[in-house]
Amino acid sequence: MLERIINELDFSVINDKRPTFNIFNRNNFEILDLFLVSSSLIDKITDFCVLNSQDMTSDHFPIEESISMGYQLENKSEAKKFNYKKANWQLFSEILNSQIVNIPESSLTIDQLNDKITE
């Protein structure tokens, strides 16, 4: 039945032959957990892992799939960080309110309004 559903929905099974389930006291390993992906994404799969070294207090091992979507994630350690607790929010509010009064609402586009506020 599972095979019929996979075929009807045009899914692909990514799992390799590594087991994802273990009955610890019997040393019994099986492949029970499946990673299914739309066949249209199959060429974007870059890696599949069974995390059997993770202590999850479960008889199932977590599985992890890497999918390349064509962009790089920004390294958070290099990203600019702001300490919002140090901000003078009262002064910010006063400045913003004084600027809003000077904006003629109907004559500016949303982009121009955004520029004016962030200025």
PDB file of N, CA and C in Angstrom:
ATOM      1  N   MET A   1       0.831  -1.193   0.000  1.00  0.00           N
ATOM      2  CA  MET A   1       0.000   0.000   0.000  1.00  0.00           C
ATOM      3  C   MET A   1       0.879   1.261   0.000  1.00  0.00           C
ATOM      4  N   LEU A   2       1.947   1.256   0.794  1.00  0.00           N
ATOM      5  CA  LEU A   2       2.855   2.392   0.828  1.00  0.00           C
ATOM      6  C   LEU A   2       3.501   2.625  -0.541  1.00  0.00           C
ATOM      7  N   GLU A   3       3.880   1.556  -1.187  1.00  0.00           N
ATOM      8  CA  GLU A   3       4.480   1.664  -2.518  1.00  0.00           C
ATOM      9  C   GLU A   3       3.499   2.283  -3.518  1.00  0.00           C
ATOM     10  N   ARG A   4       2.237   1.914  -3.426  1.00  0.00           N
ATOM     11  CA  ARG A   4       1.222   2.464  -4.317  1.00  0.00           C
ATOM     12  C   ARG A   4       1.049   3.970  -4.075  1.00  0.00           C
ATOM     13  N   ILE A   5       1.042   4.382  -2.804  1.00  0.00           N
ATOM     14  CA  ILE A   5       0.908   5.803  -2.462  1.00  0.00           C
ATOM     15  C   ILE A   5       2.118   6.587  -2.976  1.00  0.00           C
ATOM     16  N   ILE A   6       3.305   6.054  -2.773  1.00  0.00           N
ATOM     17  CA  ILE A   6       4.534   6.708  -3.243  1.00  0.00           C
ATOM     18  C   ILE A   6       4.490   6.900  -4.751  1.00  0.00           C
ATOM     19  N   ASN A   7       4.055   5.892  -5.470  1.00  0.00           N
ATOM     20  CA  ASN A   7       3.976   5.980  -6.934  1.00  0.00           C
ATOM     21  C   ASN A   7       2.901   6.959  -7.385  1.00  0.00           C
ATOM     22  N   GLU A   8       1.744   6.917  -6.741  1.00  0.00           N
ATOM     23  CA  GLU A   8       0.641   7.802  -7.136  1.00  0.00           C
ATOM     24  C   GLU A   8       0.970   9.272  -6.885  1.00  0.00           C
ATOM     25  N   LEU A   9       1.687   9.553  -5.800  1.00  0.00           N
ATOM     26  CA  LEU A   9       2.021  10.937  -5.466  1.00  0.00           C
ATOM     27  C   LEU A   9       3.356  11.382  -6.060  1.00  0.00           C
ATOM     28  N   ASP A  10       3.992  10.505  -6.825  1.00  0.00           N
ATOM     29  CA  ASP A  10       5.261  10.801  -7.482  1.00  0.00           C
ATOM     30  C   ASP A  10       6.347  11.193  -6.479  1.00  0.00           C
ATOM     31  N   PHE A  11       6.455  10.406  -5.421  1.00  0.00           N
ATOM     32  CA  PHE A  11       7.502  10.586  -4.419  1.00  0.00           C
ATOM     33  C   PHE A  11       8.674   9.677  -4.735  1.00  0.00           C
ATOM     34  N   SER A  12       9.831  10.037  -4.184  1.00  0.00           N
ATOM     35  CA  SER A  12      11.009   9.175  -4.250  1.00  0.00           C
ATOM     36  C   SER A  12      11.458   8.892  -2.828  1.00  0.00           C
ATOM     37  N   VAL A  13      11.938   7.678  -2.598  1.00  0.00           N
ATOM     38  CA  VAL A  13      12.471   7.292  -1.294  1.00  0.00           C
ATOM     39  C   VAL A  13      13.971   7.561  -1.330  1.00  0.00           C
ATOM     40  N   ILE A  14      14.445   8.332  -0.379  1.00  0.00           N
ATOM     41  CA  ILE A  14      15.841   8.753  -0.372  1.00  0.00           C
ATOM     42  C   ILE A  14      16.709   7.822   0.483  1.00  0.00           C
ATOM     43  N   ASN A  15      16.112   7.106   1.384  1.00  0.00           N
ATOM     44  CA  ASN A  15      16.890   6.267   2.309  1.00  0.00           C
ATOM     45  C   ASN A  15      17.873   5.362   1.590  1.00  0.00           C
ATOM     46  N   ASP A  16      19.028   5.199   2.225  1.00  0.00           N
ATOM     47  CA  ASP A  16      19.960   4.192   1.737  1.00  0.00           C
ATOM     48  C   ASP A  16      19.716   2.922   2.569  1.00  0.00           C
ATOM     49  N   LYS A  17      20.651   2.054   2.654  1.00  0.00           N
ATOM     50  CA  LYS A  17      20.423   0.764   3.328  1.00  0.00           C
ATOM     51  C   LYS A  17      20.752   0.795   4.827  1.00  0.00           C
ATOM     52  N   ARG A  18      21.016   1.994   5.380  1.00  0.00           N
ATOM     53  CA  ARG A  18      21.316   2.079   6.809  1.00  0.00           C
ATOM     54  C   ARG A  18      20.042   1.959   7.642  1.00  0.00           C
ATOM     55  N   PRO A  19      20.076   1.172   8.711  1.00  0.00           N
ATOM     56  CA  PRO A  19      18.887   0.994   9.551  1.00  0.00           C
ATOM     57  C   PRO A  19      18.541   2.264  10.323  1.00  0.00           C
ATOM     58  N   THR A  20      17.247   2.443  10.559  1.00  0.00           N
ATOM     59  CA  THR A  20      16.759   3.607  11.300  1.00  0.00           C
ATOM     60  C   THR A  20      16.069   3.209  12.598  1.00  0.00           C
ATOM     61  N   PHE A  21      16.037   1.918  12.883  1.00  0.00           N
ATOM     62  CA  PHE A  21      15.338   1.398  14.051  1.00  0.00           C
ATOM     63  C   PHE A  21      16.183   0.297  14.678  1.00  0.00           C
ATOM     64  N   ASN A  22      16.194   0.274  16.011  1.00  0.00           N
ATOM     65  CA  ASN A  22      16.978  -0.733  16.729  1.00  0.00           C
ATOM     66  C   ASN A  22      16.261  -1.137  18.008  1.00  0.00           C
ATOM     67  N   ILE A  23      16.027  -2.427  18.161  1.00  0.00           N
ATOM     68  CA  ILE A  23      15.567  -2.953  19.448  1.00  0.00           C
ATOM     69  C   ILE A  23      16.835  -3.290  20.224  1.00  0.00           C
ATOM     70  N   PHE A  24      17.192  -2.418  21.145  1.00  0.00           N
ATOM     71  CA  PHE A  24      18.502  -2.468  21.775  1.00  0.00           C
ATOM     72  C   PHE A  24      18.790  -3.772  22.511  1.00  0.00           C
ATOM     73  N   ASN A  25      17.821  -4.269  23.229  1.00  0.00           N
ATOM     74  CA  ASN A  25      18.095  -5.482  24.013  1.00  0.00           C
ATOM     75  C   ASN A  25      18.134  -6.750  23.156  1.00  0.00           C
ATOM     76  N   ARG A  26      17.788  -6.647  21.872  1.00  0.00           N
ATOM     77  CA  ARG A  26      17.845  -7.814  20.980  1.00  0.00           C
ATOM     78  C   ARG A  26      18.847  -7.640  19.840  1.00  0.00           C
ATOM     79  N   ASN A  27      19.461  -6.469  19.784  1.00  0.00           N
ATOM     80  CA  ASN A  27      20.398  -6.172  18.701  1.00  0.00           C
ATOM     81  C   ASN A  27      19.760  -6.393  17.321  1.00  0.00           C
ATOM     82  N   ASN A  28      18.523  -5.941  17.208  1.00  0.00           N
ATOM     83  CA  ASN A  28      17.743  -6.085  15.983  1.00  0.00           C
ATOM     84  C   ASN A  28      17.659  -4.730  15.281  1.00  0.00           C
ATOM     85  N   PHE A  29      18.188  -4.621  14.063  1.00  0.00           N
ATOM     86  CA  PHE A  29      18.188  -3.377  13.301  1.00  0.00           C
ATOM     87  C   PHE A  29      17.305  -3.525  12.060  1.00  0.00           C
ATOM     88  N   GLU A  30      16.525  -2.459  11.766  1.00  0.00           N
ATOM     89  CA  GLU A  30      15.662  -2.472  10.587  1.00  0.00           C
ATOM     90  C   GLU A  30      15.562  -1.069  10.000  1.00  0.00           C
ATOM     91  N   ILE A  31      15.106  -1.012   8.755  1.00  0.00           N
ATOM     92  CA  ILE A  31      14.804   0.276   8.122  1.00  0.00           C
ATOM     93  C   ILE A  31      13.298   0.487   8.238  1.00  0.00           C
ATOM     94  N   LEU A  32      12.904   1.357   9.176  1.00  0.00           N
ATOM     95  CA  LEU A  32      11.480   1.624   9.370  1.00  0.00           C
ATOM     96  C   LEU A  32      11.098   3.050   8.994  1.00  0.00           C
ATOM     97  N   ASP A  33      12.024   3.981   9.185  1.00  0.00           N
ATOM     98  CA  ASP A  33      11.733   5.388   8.933  1.00  0.00           C
ATOM     99  C   ASP A  33      12.185   5.752   7.524  1.00  0.00           C
ATOM    100  N   LEU A  34      11.302   6.381   6.793  1.00  0.00           N
ATOM    101  CA  LEU A  34      11.590   6.719   5.396  1.00  0.00           C
ATOM    102  C   LEU A  34      11.619   8.226   5.213  1.00  0.00           C
ATOM    103  N   PHE A  35      12.507   8.674   4.349  1.00  0.00           N
ATOM    104  CA  PHE A  35      12.522  10.070   3.940  1.00  0.00           C
ATOM    105  C   PHE A  35      11.996  10.110   2.515  1.00  0.00           C
ATOM    106  N   LEU A  36      10.825  10.713   2.361  1.00  0.00           N
ATOM    107  CA  LEU A  36      10.189  10.812   1.045  1.00  0.00           C
ATOM    108  C   LEU A  36      10.321  12.238   0.539  1.00  0.00           C
ATOM    109  N   VAL A  37      10.555  12.367  -0.742  1.00  0.00           N
ATOM    110  CA  VAL A  37      10.676  13.691  -1.339  1.00  0.00           C
ATOM    111  C   VAL A  37       9.964  13.672  -2.687  1.00  0.00           C
ATOM    112  N   SER A  38       9.418  14.807  -3.043  1.00  0.00           N
ATOM    113  CA  SER A  38       8.806  14.931  -4.355  1.00  0.00           C
ATOM    114  C   SER A  38       9.857  14.642  -5.425  1.00  0.00           C
ATOM    115  N   SER A  39       9.474  13.918  -6.439  1.00  0.00           N
ATOM    116  CA  SER A  39      10.424  13.575  -7.499  1.00  0.00           C
ATOM    117  C   SER A  39      10.983  14.810  -8.201  1.00  0.00           C
ATOM    118  N   SER A  40      10.261  15.915  -8.128  1.00  0.00           N
ATOM    119  CA  SER A  40      10.761  17.149  -8.745  1.00  0.00           C
ATOM    120  C   SER A  40      11.942  17.745  -7.971  1.00  0.00           C
ATOM    121  N   LEU A  41      12.166  17.294  -6.734  1.00  0.00           N
ATOM    122  CA  LEU A  41      13.285  17.790  -5.926  1.00  0.00           C
ATOM    123  C   LEU A  41      14.452  16.809  -5.855  1.00  0.00           C
ATOM    124  N   ILE A  42      14.338  15.664  -6.483  1.00  0.00           N
ATOM    125  CA  ILE A  42      15.332  14.602  -6.338  1.00  0.00           C
ATOM    126  C   ILE A  42      16.735  15.062  -6.738  1.00  0.00           C
ATOM    127  N   ASP A  43      16.839  15.939  -7.744  1.00  0.00           N
ATOM    128  CA  ASP A  43      18.161  16.394  -8.176  1.00  0.00           C
ATOM    129  C   ASP A  43      18.777  17.420  -7.227  1.00  0.00           C
ATOM    130  N   LYS A  44      18.012  17.891  -6.242  1.00  0.00           N
ATOM    131  CA  LYS A  44      18.518  18.857  -5.273  1.00  0.00           C
ATOM    132  C   LYS A  44      19.008  18.203  -3.973  1.00  0.00           C
ATOM    133  N   ILE A  45      18.840  16.887  -3.854  1.00  0.00           N
ATOM    134  CA  ILE A  45      19.291  16.165  -2.658  1.00  0.00           C
ATOM    135  C   ILE A  45      20.809  16.075  -2.678  1.00  0.00           C
ATOM    136  N   THR A  46      21.441  16.535  -1.592  1.00  0.00           N
ATOM    137  CA  THR A  46      22.902  16.507  -1.535  1.00  0.00           C
ATOM    138  C   THR A  46      23.434  15.512  -0.518  1.00  0.00           C
ATOM    139  N   ASP A  47      22.616  15.121   0.466  1.00  0.00           N
ATOM    140  CA  ASP A  47      23.115  14.202   1.483  1.00  0.00           C
ATOM    141  C   ASP A  47      21.961  13.575   2.242  1.00  0.00           C
ATOM    142  N   PHE A  48      22.180  12.350   2.701  1.00  0.00           N
ATOM    143  CA  PHE A  48      21.233  11.649   3.569  1.00  0.00           C
ATOM    144  C   PHE A  48      22.026  11.014   4.703  1.00  0.00           C
ATOM    145  N   CYS A  49      21.565  11.177   5.926  1.00  0.00           N
ATOM    146  CA  CYS A  49      22.265  10.624   7.095  1.00  0.00           C
ATOM    147  C   CYS A  49      21.285   9.983   8.056  1.00  0.00           C
ATOM    148  N   VAL A  50      21.693   8.868   8.614  1.00  0.00           N
ATOM    149  CA  VAL A  50      21.003   8.293   9.771  1.00  0.00           C
ATOM    150  C   VAL A  50      21.870   8.642  10.963  1.00  0.00           C
ATOM    151  N   LEU A  51      21.312   9.397  11.894  1.00  0.00           N
ATOM    152  CA  LEU A  51      22.086   9.880  13.039  1.00  0.00           C
ATOM    153  C   LEU A  51      22.052   8.849  14.159  1.00  0.00           C
ATOM    154  N   ASN A  52      22.710   7.730  13.923  1.00  0.00           N
ATOM    155  CA  ASN A  52      22.656   6.625  14.882  1.00  0.00           C
ATOM    156  C   ASN A  52      23.559   6.832  16.086  1.00  0.00           C
ATOM    157  N   SER A  53      24.359   7.886  16.089  1.00  0.00           N
ATOM    158  CA  SER A  53      25.195   8.152  17.254  1.00  0.00           C
ATOM    159  C   SER A  53      24.515   9.113  18.229  1.00  0.00           C
ATOM    160  N   GLN A  54      23.333   9.601  17.861  1.00  0.00           N
ATOM    161  CA  GLN A  54      22.609  10.533  18.730  1.00  0.00           C
ATOM    162  C   GLN A  54      21.840   9.759  19.795  1.00  0.00           C
ATOM    163  N   ASP A  55      21.942  10.204  21.035  1.00  0.00           N
ATOM    164  CA  ASP A  55      21.197   9.574  22.119  1.00  0.00           C
ATOM    165  C   ASP A  55      19.837  10.255  22.232  1.00  0.00           C
ATOM    166  N   MET A  56      18.851   9.677  21.603  1.00  0.00           N
ATOM    167  CA  MET A  56      17.523  10.272  21.569  1.00  0.00           C
ATOM    168  C   MET A  56      16.564   9.589  22.546  1.00  0.00           C
ATOM    169  N   THR A  57      17.056   8.660  23.308  1.00  0.00           N
ATOM    170  CA  THR A  57      16.230   7.838  24.219  1.00  0.00           C
ATOM    171  C   THR A  57      15.022   7.262  23.477  1.00  0.00           C
ATOM    172  N   SER A  58      15.270   6.840  22.274  1.00  0.00           N
ATOM    173  CA  SER A  58      14.233   6.237  21.444  1.00  0.00           C
ATOM    174  C   SER A  58      14.849   5.071  20.696  1.00  0.00           C
ATOM    175  N   ASP A  59      14.019   4.157  20.249  1.00  0.00           N
ATOM    176  CA  ASP A  59      14.527   3.048  19.443  1.00  0.00           C
ATOM    177  C   ASP A  59      14.604   3.419  17.954  1.00  0.00           C
ATOM    178  N   HIS A  60      14.178   4.632  17.620  1.00  0.00           N
ATOM    179  CA  HIS A  60      14.297   5.142  16.251  1.00  0.00           C
ATOM    180  C   HIS A  60      15.440   6.137  16.194  1.00  0.00           C
ATOM    181  N   PHE A  61      16.267   6.034  15.164  1.00  0.00           N
ATOM    182  CA  PHE A  61      17.335   6.998  14.957  1.00  0.00           C
ATOM    183  C   PHE A  61      16.788   8.157  14.126  1.00  0.00           C
ATOM    184  N   PRO A  62      17.200   9.375  14.435  1.00  0.00           N
ATOM    185  CA  PRO A  62      16.783  10.501  13.590  1.00  0.00           C
ATOM    186  C   PRO A  62      17.422  10.373  12.207  1.00  0.00           C
ATOM    187  N   ILE A  63      16.726  10.875  11.216  1.00  0.00           N
ATOM    188  CA  ILE A  63      17.289  10.914   9.871  1.00  0.00           C
ATOM    189  C   ILE A  63      17.386  12.369   9.446  1.00  0.00           C
ATOM    190  N   GLU A  64      18.390  12.662   8.635  1.00  0.00           N
ATOM    191  CA  GLU A  64      18.639  14.036   8.206  1.00  0.00           C
ATOM    192  C   GLU A  64      18.910  14.043   6.713  1.00  0.00           C
ATOM    193  N   GLU A  65      18.299  14.985   6.049  1.00  0.00           N
ATOM    194  CA  GLU A  65      18.446  15.130   4.605  1.00  0.00           C
ATOM    195  C   GLU A  65      18.904  16.541   4.303  1.00  0.00           C
ATOM    196  N   SER A  66      19.866  16.685   3.419  1.00  0.00           N
ATOM    197  CA  SER A  66      20.310  18.012   2.975  1.00  0.00           C
ATOM    198  C   SER A  66      19.784  18.247   1.565  1.00  0.00           C
ATOM    199  N   ILE A  67      19.149  19.398   1.400  1.00  0.00           N
ATOM    200  CA  ILE A  67      18.580  19.768   0.115  1.00  0.00           C
ATOM    201  C   ILE A  67      19.177  21.103  -0.296  1.00  0.00           C
ATOM    202  N   SER A  68      19.766  21.171  -1.472  1.00  0.00           N
ATOM    203  CA  SER A  68      20.346  22.411  -1.977  1.00  0.00           C
ATOM    204  C   SER A  68      19.265  23.192  -2.712  1.00  0.00           C
ATOM    205  N   MET A  69      19.002  24.397  -2.250  1.00  0.00           N
ATOM    206  CA  MET A  69      17.983  25.228  -2.883  1.00  0.00           C
ATOM    207  C   MET A  69      18.597  26.366  -3.690  1.00  0.00           C
ATOM    208  N   GLY A  70      19.918  26.335  -3.884  1.00  0.00           N
ATOM    209  CA  GLY A  70      20.565  27.302  -4.754  1.00  0.00           C
ATOM    210  C   GLY A  70      20.940  28.613  -4.094  1.00  0.00           C
ATOM    211  N   TYR A  71      20.979  28.683  -2.776  1.00  0.00           N
ATOM    212  CA  TYR A  71      21.437  29.888  -2.112  1.00  0.00           C
ATOM    213  C   TYR A  71      22.209  29.502  -0.863  1.00  0.00           C
ATOM    214  N   GLN A  72      23.009  30.422  -0.368  1.00  0.00           N
ATOM    215  CA  GLN A  72      23.824  30.189   0.821  1.00  0.00           C
ATOM    216  C   GLN A  72      23.178  30.866   2.020  1.00  0.00           C
ATOM    217  N   LEU A  73      23.159  30.181   3.144  1.00  0.00           N
ATOM    218  CA  LEU A  73      22.684  30.790   4.373  1.00  0.00           C
ATOM    219  C   LEU A  73      23.789  31.673   4.947  1.00  0.00           C
ATOM    220  N   GLU A  74      23.380  32.781   5.521  1.00  0.00           N
ATOM    221  CA  GLU A  74      24.351  33.692   6.112  1.00  0.00           C
ATOM    222  C   GLU A  74      24.848  33.101   7.419  1.00  0.00           C
ATOM    223  N   ASN A  75      26.151  33.170   7.628  1.00  0.00           N
ATOM    224  CA  ASN A  75      26.746  32.688   8.865  1.00  0.00           C
ATOM    225  C   ASN A  75      26.335  33.635   9.982  1.00  0.00           C
ATOM    226  N   LYS A  76      25.590  33.133  10.970  1.00  0.00           N
ATOM    227  CA  LYS A  76      25.048  33.986  12.026  1.00  0.00           C
ATOM    228  C   LYS A  76      26.133  34.643  12.863  1.00  0.00           C
ATOM    229  N   SER A  77      27.279  33.990  13.004  1.00  0.00           N
ATOM    230  CA  SER A  77      28.337  34.591  13.811  1.00  0.00           C
ATOM    231  C   SER A  77      28.903  35.835  13.144  1.00  0.00           C
ATOM    232  N   GLU A  78      28.788  35.930  11.825  1.00  0.00           N
ATOM    233  CA  GLU A  78      29.283  37.094  11.099  1.00  0.00           C
ATOM    234  C   GLU A  78      28.205  38.155  10.902  1.00  0.00           C
ATOM    235  N   ALA A  79      26.971  37.803  11.174  1.00  0.00           N
ATOM    236  CA  ALA A  79      25.878  38.753  10.964  1.00  0.00           C
ATOM    237  C   ALA A  79      25.952  39.872  12.007  1.00  0.00           C
ATOM    238  N   LYS A  80      25.548  41.062  11.595  1.00  0.00           N
ATOM    239  CA  LYS A  80      25.534  42.203  12.503  1.00  0.00           C
ATOM    240  C   LYS A  80      24.469  41.957  13.567  1.00  0.00           C
ATOM    241  N   LYS A  81      24.838  42.171  14.811  1.00  0.00           N
ATOM    242  CA  LYS A  81      23.902  41.960  15.917  1.00  0.00           C
ATOM    243  C   LYS A  81      23.676  43.279  16.636  1.00  0.00           C
ATOM    244  N   PHE A  82      22.461  43.510  17.014  1.00  0.00           N
ATOM    245  CA  PHE A  82      22.103  44.713  17.743  1.00  0.00           C
ATOM    246  C   PHE A  82      21.652  44.328  19.145  1.00  0.00           C
ATOM    247  N   ASN A  83      22.051  45.126  20.128  1.00  0.00           N
ATOM    248  CA  ASN A  83      21.587  44.933  21.495  1.00  0.00           C
ATOM    249  C   ASN A  83      20.430  45.896  21.708  1.00  0.00           C
ATOM    250  N   TYR A  84      19.205  45.417  21.525  1.00  0.00           N
ATOM    251  CA  TYR A  84      18.026  46.268  21.597  1.00  0.00           C
ATOM    252  C   TYR A  84      17.748  46.782  23.002  1.00  0.00           C
ATOM    253  N   LYS A  85      18.350  46.162  24.007  1.00  0.00           N
ATOM    254  CA  LYS A  85      18.163  46.623  25.388  1.00  0.00           C
ATOM    255  C   LYS A  85      18.910  47.925  25.656  1.00  0.00           C
ATOM    256  N   LYS A  86      19.931  48.212  24.840  1.00  0.00           N
ATOM    257  CA  LYS A  86      20.707  49.445  25.012  1.00  0.00           C
ATOM    258  C   LYS A  86      20.084  50.630  24.281  1.00  0.00           C
ATOM    259  N   ALA A  87      19.072  50.391  23.484  1.00  0.00           N
ATOM    260  CA  ALA A  87      18.455  51.467  22.702  1.00  0.00           C
ATOM    261  C   ALA A  87      17.700  52.419  23.617  1.00  0.00           C
ATOM    262  N   ASN A  88      17.705  53.680  23.236  1.00  0.00           N
ATOM    263  CA  ASN A  88      16.910  54.691  23.934  1.00  0.00           C
ATOM    264  C   ASN A  88      15.569  54.764  23.213  1.00  0.00           C
ATOM    265  N   TRP A  89      14.629  53.930  23.629  1.00  0.00           N
ATOM    266  CA  TRP A  89      13.364  53.797  22.919  1.00  0.00           C
ATOM    267  C   TRP A  89      12.499  55.049  23.033  1.00  0.00           C
ATOM    268  N   GLN A  90      12.628  55.787  24.136  1.00  0.00           N
ATOM    269  CA  GLN A  90      11.877  57.031  24.290  1.00  0.00           C
ATOM    270  C   GLN A  90      12.320  58.040  23.227  1.00  0.00           C
ATOM    271  N   LEU A  91      13.651  58.190  23.053  1.00  0.00           N
ATOM    272  CA  LEU A  91      14.182  59.098  22.040  1.00  0.00           C
ATOM    273  C   LEU A  91      13.790  58.631  20.637  1.00  0.00           C
ATOM    274  N   PHE A  92      13.874  57.333  20.385  1.00  0.00           N
ATOM    275  CA  PHE A  92      13.468  56.782  19.091  1.00  0.00           C
ATOM    276  C   PHE A  92      12.015  57.135  18.792  1.00  0.00           C
ATOM    277  N   SER A  93      11.151  56.957  19.778  1.00  0.00           N
ATOM    278  CA  SER A  93       9.723  57.243  19.607  1.00  0.00           C
ATOM    279  C   SER A  93       9.491  58.727  19.319  1.00  0.00           C
ATOM    280  N   GLU A  94      10.191  59.593  20.042  1.00  0.00           N
ATOM    281  CA  GLU A  94      10.035  61.035  19.819  1.00  0.00           C
ATOM    282  C   GLU A  94      10.491  61.433  18.414  1.00  0.00           C
ATOM    283  N   ILE A  95      11.645  60.926  17.987  1.00  0.00           N
ATOM    284  CA  ILE A  95      12.152  61.250  16.644  1.00  0.00           C
ATOM    285  C   ILE A  95      11.205  60.733  15.572  1.00  0.00           C
ATOM    286  N   LEU A  96      10.752  59.491  15.717  1.00  0.00           N
ATOM    287  CA  LEU A  96       9.841  58.911  14.731  1.00  0.00           C
ATOM    288  C   LEU A  96       8.536  59.694  14.661  1.00  0.00           C
ATOM    289  N   ASN A  97       7.972  60.036  15.816  1.00  0.00           N
ATOM    290  CA  ASN A  97       6.721  60.803  15.838  1.00  0.00           C
ATOM    291  C   ASN A  97       6.890  62.173  15.200  1.00  0.00           C
ATOM    292  N   SER A  98       8.034  62.830  15.430  1.00  0.00           N
ATOM    293  CA  SER A  98       8.252  64.155  14.824  1.00  0.00           C
ATOM    294  C   SER A  98       8.370  64.048  13.306  1.00  0.00           C
ATOM    295  N   GLN A  99       8.928  62.946  12.809  1.00  0.00           N
ATOM    296  CA  GLN A  99       9.080  62.754  11.364  1.00  0.00           C
ATOM    297  C   GLN A  99       7.748  62.408  10.703  1.00  0.00           C
ATOM    298  N   ILE A 100       6.923  61.660  11.396  1.00  0.00           N
ATOM    299  CA  ILE A 100       5.634  61.244  10.830  1.00  0.00           C
ATOM    300  C   ILE A 100       4.739  62.453  10.583  1.00  0.00           C
ATOM    301  N   VAL A 101       4.797  63.436  11.463  1.00  0.00           N
ATOM    302  CA  VAL A 101       3.992  64.649  11.306  1.00  0.00           C
ATOM    303  C   VAL A 101       4.361  65.379  10.020  1.00  0.00           C
ATOM    304  N   ASN A 102       5.619  65.304   9.608  1.00  0.00           N
ATOM    305  CA  ASN A 102       6.095  66.030   8.431  1.00  0.00           C
ATOM    306  C   ASN A 102       5.914  65.276   7.118  1.00  0.00           C
ATOM    307  N   ILE A 103       5.281  64.130   7.133  1.00  0.00           N
ATOM    308  CA  ILE A 103       5.125  63.338   5.912  1.00  0.00           C
ATOM    309  C   ILE A 103       3.742  63.584   5.311  1.00  0.00           C
ATOM    310  N   PRO A 104       3.696  64.129   4.086  1.00  0.00           N
ATOM    311  CA  PRO A 104       2.399  64.265   3.409  1.00  0.00           C
ATOM    312  C   PRO A 104       1.952  62.889   2.897  1.00  0.00           C
ATOM    313  N   GLU A 105       0.950  62.327   3.507  1.00  0.00           N
ATOM    314  CA  GLU A 105       0.563  60.940   3.271  1.00  0.00           C
ATOM    315  C   GLU A 105       0.236  60.610   1.820  1.00  0.00           C
ATOM    316  N   SER A 106      -0.547  61.400   1.170  1.00  0.00           N
ATOM    317  CA  SER A 106      -1.048  61.024  -0.145  1.00  0.00           C
ATOM    318  C   SER A 106      -0.024  61.175  -1.273  1.00  0.00           C
ATOM    319  N   SER A 107       1.022  61.962  -1.069  1.00  0.00           N
ATOM    320  CA  SER A 107       1.926  62.238  -2.181  1.00  0.00           C
ATOM    321  C   SER A 107       3.079  61.244  -2.295  1.00  0.00           C
ATOM    322  N   LEU A 108       3.266  60.346  -1.339  1.00  0.00           N
ATOM    323  CA  LEU A 108       4.401  59.430  -1.358  1.00  0.00           C
ATOM    324  C   LEU A 108       3.959  57.988  -1.589  1.00  0.00           C
ATOM    325  N   THR A 109       4.798  57.256  -2.314  1.00  0.00           N
ATOM    326  CA  THR A 109       4.546  55.825  -2.487  1.00  0.00           C
ATOM    327  C   THR A 109       4.959  55.093  -1.206  1.00  0.00           C
ATOM    328  N   ILE A 110       4.621  53.828  -1.104  1.00  0.00           N
ATOM    329  CA  ILE A 110       4.987  53.048   0.074  1.00  0.00           C
ATOM    330  C   ILE A 110       6.504  52.953   0.215  1.00  0.00           C
ATOM    331  N   ASP A 111       7.221  52.847  -0.913  1.00  0.00           N
ATOM    332  CA  ASP A 111       8.683  52.797  -0.874  1.00  0.00           C
ATOM    333  C   ASP A 111       9.267  54.119  -0.390  1.00  0.00           C
ATOM    334  N   GLN A 112       8.687  55.209  -0.839  1.00  0.00           N
ATOM    335  CA  GLN A 112       9.165  56.521  -0.387  1.00  0.00           C
ATOM    336  C   GLN A 112       8.890  56.718   1.105  1.00  0.00           C
ATOM    337  N   LEU A 113       7.723  56.261   1.558  1.00  0.00           N
ATOM    338  CA  LEU A 113       7.410  56.341   2.991  1.00  0.00           C
ATOM    339  C   LEU A 113       8.387  55.502   3.805  1.00  0.00           C
ATOM    340  N   ASN A 114       8.685  54.325   3.311  1.00  0.00           N
ATOM    341  CA  ASN A 114       9.644  53.454   3.990  1.00  0.00           C
ATOM    342  C   ASN A 114      11.010  54.132   4.079  1.00  0.00           C
ATOM    343  N   ASP A 115      11.461  54.724   2.977  1.00  0.00           N
ATOM    344  CA  ASP A 115      12.750  55.437   2.974  1.00  0.00           C
ATOM    345  C   ASP A 115      12.747  56.574   3.977  1.00  0.00           C
ATOM    346  N   LYS A 116      11.658  57.315   4.026  1.00  0.00           N
ATOM    347  CA  LYS A 116      11.557  58.471   4.931  1.00  0.00           C
ATOM    348  C   LYS A 116      11.613  58.019   6.396  1.00  0.00           C
ATOM    349  N   ILE A 117      10.910  56.951   6.721  1.00  0.00           N
ATOM    350  CA  ILE A 117      10.879  56.464   8.112  1.00  0.00           C
ATOM    351  C   ILE A 117      12.237  55.881   8.510  1.00  0.00           C
ATOM    352  N   THR A 118      12.853  55.087   7.635  1.00  0.00           N
ATOM    353  CA  THR A 118      14.142  54.485   7.983  1.00  0.00           C
ATOM    354  C   THR A 118      15.276  55.497   7.969  1.00  0.00           C
ATOM    355  N   GLU A 119      15.075  56.623   7.272  1.00  0.00           N
ATOM    356  CA  GLU A 119      16.055  57.700   7.248  1.00  0.00           C
ATOM    357  C   GLU A 119      16.239  58.244   8.637  1.00  0.00           C
TER     358      GLU A 119
END
